[in-house]
C-alpha atoms as a PDB file:
ATOM      1  CA  MET A   1      90.484  18.210 146.635  1.00  0.00           C
ATOM      2  CA  LYS A   2      91.567  18.727 143.256  1.00  0.00           C
ATOM      3  CA  LYS A   3      88.852  21.841 142.280  1.00  0.00           C
ATOM      4  CA  SER A   4      90.031  23.527 145.104  1.00  0.00           C
ATOM      5  CA  ILE A   5      93.974  23.481 144.016  1.00  0.00           C
ATOM      6  CA  TRP A   6      92.755  24.441 140.547  1.00  0.00           C
ATOM      7  CA  ILE A   7      90.497  27.699 141.974  1.00  0.00           C
ATOM      8  CA  SER A   8      93.310  28.555 144.127  1.00  0.00           C
ATOM      9  CA  LEU A   9      95.588  28.787 141.233  1.00  0.00           C
ATOM     10  CA  PHE A  10      93.211  30.596 138.978  1.00  0.00           C
ATOM     11  CA  LEU A  11      92.840  33.237 141.278  1.00  0.00           C
ATOM     12  CA  SER A  12      96.542  33.355 142.350  1.00  0.00           C
ATOM     13  CA  PHE A  13      96.642  34.262 138.835  1.00  0.00           C
ATOM     14  CA  ILE A  14      94.393  36.502 138.171  1.00  0.00           C
ATOM     15  CA  LEU A  15      96.021  38.399 141.286  1.00  0.00           C
ATOM     16  CA  ILE A  16      98.760  38.671 139.369  1.00  0.00           C
ATOM     17  CA  VAL A  17      98.438  39.765 136.332  1.00  0.00           C
ATOM     18  CA  VAL A  18      96.028  42.482 138.114  1.00  0.00           C
ATOM     19  CA  LEU A  19      98.445  43.204 140.600  1.00  0.00           C
ATOM     20  CA  SER A  20     101.893  43.438 137.573  1.00  0.00           C
ATOM     21  CA  GLY A  21      99.588  46.560 135.974  1.00  0.00           C
ATOM     22  CA  CYS A  22      98.829  44.042 132.874  1.00  0.00           C
ATOM     23  CA  SER A  23      94.672  44.471 133.851  1.00  0.00           C
ATOM     24  CA  GLY A  24      94.349  45.916 130.250  1.00  0.00           C
ATOM     25  CA  LEU A  25      93.824  49.751 131.583  1.00  0.00           C
ATOM     26  CA  PRO A  26      95.903  51.960 129.968  1.00  0.00           C
ATOM     27  CA  LYS A  27      99.279  53.485 131.660  1.00  0.00           C
ATOM     28  CA  ILE A  28      98.570  58.017 131.807  1.00  0.00           C
ATOM     29  CA  ALA A  29     101.717  59.649 131.771  1.00  0.00           C
ATOM     30  CA  LYS A  30     103.017  61.840 134.775  1.00  0.00           C
ATOM     31  CA  ILE A  31     104.461  64.689 134.425  1.00  0.00           C
ATOM     32  CA  ASN A  32     106.439  66.186 137.562  1.00  0.00           C
ATOM     33  CA  ILE A  33     107.909  70.206 137.450  1.00  0.00           C
ATOM     34  CA  THR A  34     110.900  71.184 138.644  1.00  0.00           C
ATOM     35  CA  ILE A  35     112.215  74.872 139.135  1.00  0.00           C
ATOM     36  CA  ASP A  36     115.476  75.390 140.064  1.00  0.00           C
ATOM     37  CA  PRO A  37     115.681  77.198 142.363  1.00  0.00           C
ATOM     38  CA  ASN A  38     112.779  77.911 143.469  1.00  0.00           C
ATOM     39  CA  PRO A  39     112.456  81.195 144.415  1.00  0.00           C
ATOM     40  CA  LEU A  40     114.327  82.467 141.917  1.00  0.00           C
ATOM     41  CA  PRO A  41     117.089  84.696 143.485  1.00  0.00           C
ATOM     42  CA  TYR A  42     118.228  87.997 141.104  1.00  0.00           C
ATOM     43  CA  ASN A  43     121.151  88.123 139.733  1.00  0.00           C
ATOM     44  CA  SER A  44     122.445  91.684 139.349  1.00  0.00           C
ATOM     45  CA  GLU A  45     125.122  91.257 137.886  1.00  0.00           C
ATOM     46  CA  THR A  46     122.891  90.244 134.376  1.00  0.00           C
ATOM     47  CA  GLU A  47     119.616  91.954 135.941  1.00  0.00           C
ATOM     48  CA  LYS A  48     117.453  89.310 135.088  1.00  0.00           C
ATOM     49  CA  TRP A  49     116.343  85.828 137.045  1.00  0.00           C
ATOM     50  CA  SER A  50     117.535  82.551 136.078  1.00  0.00           C
ATOM     51  CA  PHE A  51     116.046  79.360 136.699  1.00  0.00           C
ATOM     52  CA  ASN A  52     116.433  75.855 135.116  1.00  0.00           C
ATOM     53  CA  VAL A  53     112.736  73.627 134.517  1.00  0.00           C
ATOM     54  CA  ILE A  54     112.731  69.855 134.434  1.00  0.00           C
ATOM     55  CA  LEU A  55     110.221  68.214 133.588  1.00  0.00           C
ATOM     56  CA  ILE A  56     110.024  64.132 134.632  1.00  0.00           C
ATOM     57  CA  GLU A  57     108.108  62.010 132.829  1.00  0.00           C
ATOM     58  CA  SER A  58     107.569  58.822 135.667  1.00  0.00           C
ATOM     59  CA  ASN A  59     104.926  56.742 134.790  1.00  0.00           C
ATOM     60  CA  GLY A  60     106.024  54.836 132.166  1.00  0.00           C
ATOM     61  CA  VAL A  61     104.502  56.754 129.153  1.00  0.00           C
ATOM     62  CA  GLY A  62     105.774  59.701 126.529  1.00  0.00           C
ATOM     63  CA  VAL A  63     104.261  62.539 126.611  1.00  0.00           C
ATOM     64  CA  THR A  64     104.361  65.485 123.516  1.00  0.00           C
ATOM     65  CA  LEU A  65     104.185  68.579 125.181  1.00  0.00           C
ATOM     66  CA  ILE A  66     101.760  70.782 123.292  1.00  0.00           C
ATOM     67  CA  SER A  67     102.450  74.455 124.818  1.00  0.00           C
ATOM     68  CA  LEU A  68     103.621  75.818 128.439  1.00  0.00           C
ATOM     69  CA  ARG A  69     102.020  78.639 129.419  1.00  0.00           C
ATOM     70  CA  PHE A  70     103.562  81.308 131.837  1.00  0.00           C
ATOM     71  CA  ASP A  71     100.650  83.885 133.666  1.00  0.00           C
ATOM     72  CA  SER A  72     102.482  86.405 135.560  1.00  0.00           C
ATOM     73  CA  TYR A  73     101.091  88.469 138.564  1.00  0.00           C
ATOM     74  CA  ASP A  74     102.223  91.375 140.336  1.00  0.00           C
ATOM     75  CA  GLN A  75     102.662  93.027 144.076  1.00  0.00           C
ATOM     76  CA  GLU A  76      98.619  92.870 143.954  1.00  0.00           C
ATOM     77  CA  GLU A  77      98.620  89.266 143.081  1.00  0.00           C
ATOM     78  CA  GLU A  78      96.498  90.358 140.102  1.00  0.00           C
ATOM     79  CA  LEU A  79      97.493  88.645 136.219  1.00  0.00           C
ATOM     80  CA  PHE A  80      99.168  91.254 134.356  1.00  0.00           C
ATOM     81  CA  TYR A  81     101.290  89.289 131.006  1.00  0.00           C
ATOM     82  CA  THR A  82     100.483  86.301 130.044  1.00  0.00           C
ATOM     83  CA  GLN A  83     102.770  84.097 127.426  1.00  0.00           C
ATOM     84  CA  ILE A  84     101.984  80.930 125.943  1.00  0.00           C
ATOM     85  CA  LEU A  85     104.747  78.669 123.806  1.00  0.00           C
ATOM     86  CA  TYR A  86     103.486  76.869 120.799  1.00  0.00           C
ATOM     87  CA  GLU A  87     105.156  73.887 119.412  1.00  0.00           C
ATOM     88  CA  GLU A  88     108.321  75.648 117.689  1.00  0.00           C
ATOM     89  CA  ASP A  89     108.771  77.387 121.221  1.00  0.00           C
ATOM     90  CA  ILE A  90     108.872  74.209 123.229  1.00  0.00           C
ATOM     91  CA  ILE A  91     111.024  72.868 120.527  1.00  0.00           C
ATOM     92  CA  ASP A  92     113.932  75.907 120.511  1.00  0.00           C
ATOM     93  CA  TRP A  93     114.134  75.854 124.802  1.00  0.00           C
ATOM     94  CA  PHE A  94     113.921  72.093 125.322  1.00  0.00           C
ATOM     95  CA  GLU A  95     115.045  70.802 121.514  1.00  0.00           C
ATOM     96  CA  SER A  96     112.391  68.436 121.709  1.00  0.00           C
ATOM     97  CA  ASN A  97     108.195  68.359 122.427  1.00  0.00           C
ATOM     98  CA  TYR A  98     108.092  65.194 123.488  1.00  0.00           C
ATOM     99  CA  ILE A  99     109.395  63.598 126.626  1.00  0.00           C
ATOM    100  CA  SER A 100     109.819  60.055 126.238  1.00  0.00           C
ATOM    101  CA  ALA A 101     108.916  57.441 128.944  1.00  0.00           C
ATOM    102  CA  PHE A 102     110.679  57.394 132.769  1.00  0.00           C
ATOM    103  CA  SER A 103     112.915  60.523 131.176  1.00  0.00           C
ATOM    104  CA  SER A 104     113.302  64.464 131.115  1.00  0.00           C
ATOM    105  CA  LEU A 105     113.730  68.172 130.167  1.00  0.00           C
ATOM    106  CA  SER A 106     115.099  70.441 130.869  1.00  0.00           C
ATOM    107  CA  SER A 107     116.017  73.963 129.913  1.00  0.00           C
ATOM    108  CA  TRP A 108     117.005  77.225 131.611  1.00  0.00           C
ATOM    109  CA  VAL A 109     114.839  80.102 131.318  1.00  0.00           C
ATOM    110  CA  TYR A 110     116.133  83.979 132.236  1.00  0.00           C
ATOM    111  CA  HIS A 111     113.361  87.098 132.817  1.00  0.00           C
ATOM    112  CA  LYS A 112     113.793  90.540 133.477  1.00  0.00           C
ATOM    113  CA  ASN A 113     110.771  92.160 134.208  1.00  0.00           C
ATOM    114  CA  ALA A 114     111.172  93.548 137.372  1.00  0.00           C
ATOM    115  CA  GLU A 115     106.784  94.050 137.958  1.00  0.00           C
ATOM    116  CA  LYS A 116     106.514  89.904 138.535  1.00  0.00           C
ATOM    117  CA  VAL A 117     106.630  88.462 142.236  1.00  0.00           C
ATOM    118  CA  TYR A 118     105.356  85.108 141.252  1.00  0.00           C
ATOM    119  CA  ASP A 119     104.185  83.003 137.830  1.00  0.00           C
ATOM    120  CA  ILE A 120     102.026  80.180 137.137  1.00  0.00           C
ATOM    121  CA  PHE A 121     103.365  78.010 134.992  1.00  0.00           C
ATOM    122  CA  THR A 122     101.322  75.101 133.298  1.00  0.00           C
ATOM    123  CA  VAL A 123     102.415  72.737 130.987  1.00  0.00           C
ATOM    124  CA  VAL A 124      99.802  70.995 128.853  1.00  0.00           C
ATOM    125  CA  GLY A 125      99.807  67.627 126.514  1.00  0.00           C
ATOM    126  CA  VAL A 126      98.923  64.964 125.727  1.00  0.00           C
ATOM    127  CA  ASP A 127     100.842  61.308 125.710  1.00  0.00           C
ATOM    128  CA  ASP A 128     101.270  58.205 123.875  1.00  0.00           C
ATOM    129  CA  ASN A 129      97.281  56.532 125.408  1.00  0.00           C
ATOM    130  CA  GLY A 130      95.854  59.925 124.039  1.00  0.00           C
ATOM    131  CA  ASN A 131      95.243  61.009 127.527  1.00  0.00           C
ATOM    132  CA  PRO A 132      95.470  65.299 128.633  1.00  0.00           C
ATOM    133  CA  ILE A 133      97.977  66.190 131.043  1.00  0.00           C
ATOM    134  CA  GLU A 134      98.132  69.504 132.203  1.00  0.00           C
ATOM    135  CA  VAL A 135     100.314  70.049 135.167  1.00  0.00           C
ATOM    136  CA  THR A 136     101.275  73.679 137.508  1.00  0.00           C
ATOM    137  CA  VAL A 137     103.403  75.066 139.154  1.00  0.00           C
ATOM    138  CA  ARG A 138     104.036  78.140 141.271  1.00  0.00           C
ATOM    139  CA  ILE A 139     107.385  80.069 140.328  1.00  0.00           C
ATOM    140  CA  ASP A 140     108.485  82.751 142.810  1.00  0.00           C
ATOM    141  CA  PHE A 141     111.015  85.622 142.432  1.00  0.00           C
ATOM    142  CA  LEU A 142     112.597  87.250 144.831  1.00  0.00           C
ATOM    143  CA  PRO A 143     112.748  91.209 144.617  1.00  0.00           C
ATOM    144  CA  GLN A 144     115.839  92.140 143.312  1.00  0.00           C
END
């Protein structure tokens, strides 16, 4: 009888450890990208499309941003321009290139290129556990 109690306690302990996330496997950061608004309306007063980029870490692991990439596509859905931002530019935009666990960075972006129909926006980084992170979102531009 005592042996079965110890076995039950041991199995319960193992189950608690596994369910609590303490299984010894490191977590991987998760970045969610919000583009607000999306699709983007054209502002005839400023003659630009403007939007807020919000990067949110939602899995409890910080991320160092390495690059931000905008691939711009035209009416024929052909890539016609690529812009890549690295550390210095990222810090200029967001005032940091690091997203703490369960936190966010945001910045307003302004575009003036009338050829764009949409961008594919890619965020590349490495989390605090050394895991590479890459997330992509589509940004649609409404006509002028």
